Amino acid sequence: MSAEARIAELGLDLHPAVTGSRNRVGAVRTGNLVYTSGHGPAKRADGSTLSGKIGRDLTPEEGNESARLTGQALLATLRAELGSLDRVRRVVKVLGMVNCAPGFIATSAVIDGCSDLLVDVFGEAIGRHSRSAVGVAELPLDFPVEIELIVEVD
């Protein structure tokens, strides 16, 4: 099944892609690689947003949800850049940053939300990837997570 068909099957609503600002863009393609800018979470289905520190303001489960919503935002940006997610040949690298309270060490479980989504959409052969999941003291706009992707495309 194609990635676009999986998006429909999963019932994912990919909100409009992040467009960037003055001097940055949502994604840059060089050769057969696309590098995304760091993204925060898309809005929930009810229109609400998640913000704050995991382990203080949000539970680890809400952090995982935030990472999945961030994955949806990244997919929207990739679709806008490529025209179709079916052009992705391999998810190469995920860099996940978790806005976490002091002592919170389950950053990997939080970023699993994005990693699981990528495998759900692209399947294991394309969606499994290398990854870093680090805890940070603050993120822009009080995002619970910020995630970047590197993908190989045709």
Protein backbone atom coordinates (compact mmCIF):
# COMPACT_ATOMS: atom_id res chain seq x y z
CA MET A 1 0.00 0.00 0.00
CA SER A 2 1.31 3.47 -0.85
CA ALA A 3 2.07 6.09 1.78
CA GLU A 4 -0.75 8.29 0.48
CA ALA A 5 -3.19 5.37 0.75
CA ARG A 6 -2.00 4.69 4.31
CA ILE A 7 -2.60 8.34 5.23
CA ALA A 8 -6.20 7.96 4.07
CA GLU A 9 -6.61 4.56 5.75
CA LEU A 10 -5.31 5.95 9.06
CA GLY A 11 -7.70 8.91 8.73
CA LEU A 12 -4.89 11.43 9.15
CA ASP A 13 -5.71 15.04 8.41
CA LEU A 14 -2.48 16.65 7.31
CA HIS A 15 -2.91 20.33 8.09
CA PRO A 16 -1.31 22.90 5.79
CA ALA A 17 2.46 22.66 5.72
CA VAL A 18 4.76 24.93 7.70
CA THR A 19 6.00 27.57 5.28
CA GLY A 20 8.85 29.02 7.32
CA SER A 21 9.56 32.69 7.78
CA ARG A 22 11.88 35.45 6.62
CA ASN A 23 15.04 33.42 6.14
CA ARG A 24 13.97 29.82 6.57
CA VAL A 25 11.81 27.30 4.81
CA GLY A 26 9.98 24.18 5.97
CA ALA A 27 12.22 21.85 3.95
CA VAL A 28 15.26 21.92 1.70
CA ARG A 29 16.02 19.36 -0.97
CA THR A 30 19.58 18.70 -2.04
CA GLY A 31 20.15 15.83 -4.43
CA ASN A 32 18.01 12.92 -3.28
CA LEU A 33 17.74 14.10 0.35
CA VAL A 34 15.17 16.36 1.98
CA TYR A 35 16.01 18.03 5.29
CA THR A 36 13.11 19.48 7.23
CA SER A 37 13.24 22.39 9.61
CA GLY A 38 12.33 21.65 13.20
CA HIS A 39 8.56 21.28 13.61
CA GLY A 40 6.29 21.43 16.61
CA PRO A 41 3.00 19.58 16.96
CA ALA A 42 0.03 20.04 14.67
CA LYS A 43 -3.30 20.84 16.30
CA ARG A 44 -5.36 18.01 17.72
CA ALA A 45 -8.55 16.98 15.92
CA ASP A 46 -10.55 19.21 18.31
CA GLY A 47 -8.36 22.23 17.45
CA SER A 48 -6.52 22.32 20.76
CA THR A 49 -2.73 22.40 21.02
CA LEU A 50 -0.29 20.79 23.39
CA SER A 51 2.35 22.92 25.09
CA GLY A 52 4.64 22.82 28.09
CA LYS A 53 7.20 20.55 29.68
CA ILE A 54 6.87 16.79 29.68
CA GLY A 55 7.05 15.56 33.26
CA ARG A 56 5.65 18.80 34.67
CA ASP A 57 2.83 20.19 32.51
CA LEU A 58 2.21 17.11 30.36
CA THR A 59 2.33 13.38 30.98
CA PRO A 60 4.67 11.12 29.02
CA GLU A 61 1.59 9.88 27.13
CA GLU A 62 0.71 13.45 26.13
CA GLY A 63 4.33 13.89 25.08
CA ASN A 64 4.04 10.81 22.87
CA GLU A 65 0.84 12.26 21.37
CA SER A 66 2.67 15.53 20.79
CA ALA A 67 5.44 13.70 18.93
CA ARG A 68 2.85 11.92 16.76
CA LEU A 69 1.17 15.26 15.98
CA THR A 70 4.59 16.69 15.14
CA GLY A 71 5.10 13.77 12.76
CA GLN A 72 1.85 14.74 11.04
CA ALA A 73 3.13 18.31 10.63
CA LEU A 74 6.37 16.95 9.14
CA LEU A 75 4.43 14.75 6.72
CA ALA A 76 2.42 17.79 5.57
CA THR A 77 5.67 19.65 4.88
CA LEU A 78 7.12 16.69 2.98
CA ARG A 79 3.96 16.37 0.90
CA ALA A 80 4.09 20.09 0.05
CA GLU A 81 7.76 19.81 -0.93
CA LEU A 82 7.44 16.60 -2.97
CA GLY A 83 3.86 16.66 -4.25
CA SER A 84 3.28 13.16 -2.86
CA LEU A 85 4.56 11.16 0.09
CA ASP A 86 4.90 8.22 -2.32
CA ARG A 87 8.18 9.80 -3.46
CA VAL A 88 9.83 9.02 -0.11
CA ARG A 89 12.25 6.11 -0.53
CA ARG A 90 13.62 6.01 3.03
CA VAL A 91 13.29 7.86 6.29
CA VAL A 92 16.97 8.27 7.14
CA LYS A 93 17.14 10.20 10.41
CA VAL A 94 14.85 11.62 13.08
CA LEU A 95 16.14 14.19 15.56
CA GLY A 96 13.67 14.62 18.42
CA MET A 97 14.05 17.27 21.10
CA VAL A 98 11.86 17.00 24.19
CA ASN A 99 11.02 20.03 26.35
CA CYS A 100 11.29 18.21 29.67
CA ALA A 101 11.25 18.87 33.37
CA PRO A 102 14.48 18.28 35.31
CA GLY A 103 14.97 14.59 35.92
CA PHE A 104 12.71 13.42 33.07
CA ILE A 105 14.62 10.67 31.26
CA ALA A 106 12.00 8.97 29.06
CA THR A 107 12.73 11.12 26.01
CA SER A 108 12.96 8.07 23.76
CA ALA A 109 9.43 6.92 24.71
CA VAL A 110 8.12 10.39 23.89
CA ILE A 111 9.72 10.53 20.41
CA ASP A 112 8.37 7.01 19.73
CA GLY A 113 5.12 8.81 18.85
CA CYS A 114 6.72 10.20 15.70
CA SER A 115 8.74 7.07 14.92
CA ASP A 116 5.66 4.86 15.21
CA LEU A 117 3.71 7.18 12.89
CA LEU A 118 6.46 7.04 10.26
CA VAL A 119 6.40 3.24 10.30
CA ASP A 120 2.58 3.27 10.21
CA VAL A 121 2.65 5.48 7.10
CA PHE A 122 5.68 4.16 5.20
CA GLY A 123 5.97 0.59 6.48
CA GLU A 124 9.05 -0.88 8.11
CA ALA A 125 11.27 -1.05 5.02
CA ILE A 126 10.98 2.70 4.37
CA GLY A 127 9.86 4.10 7.73
CA ARG A 128 12.41 2.59 10.17
CA HIS A 129 15.19 5.07 10.75
CA SER A 130 18.16 6.16 12.83
CA ARG A 131 17.19 8.52 15.64
CA SER A 132 18.28 10.77 18.45
CA ALA A 133 15.91 11.76 21.29
CA VAL A 134 17.33 14.42 23.58
CA GLY A 135 15.95 16.40 26.49
CA VAL A 136 16.22 20.18 26.43
CA ALA A 137 15.40 22.95 28.90
CA GLU A 138 13.22 25.04 26.54
CA LEU A 139 11.78 24.95 23.03
CA PRO A 140 10.31 27.72 20.86
CA LEU A 141 6.68 28.63 21.55
CA ASP A 142 6.71 26.24 24.54
CA PHE A 143 6.49 23.25 22.17
CA PRO A 144 6.55 19.95 24.09
CA VAL A 145 8.70 18.49 21.29
CA GLU A 146 10.50 19.70 18.20
CA ILE A 147 11.44 17.19 15.53
CA GLU A 148 13.52 17.27 12.32
CA LEU A 149 13.65 14.65 9.56
CA ILE A 150 16.04 13.66 6.84
CA VAL A 151 14.45 11.57 4.09
CA GLU A 152 15.70 10.04 0.85
CA VAL A 153 13.45 10.69 -2.14
CA ASP A 154 13.28 9.77 -5.80
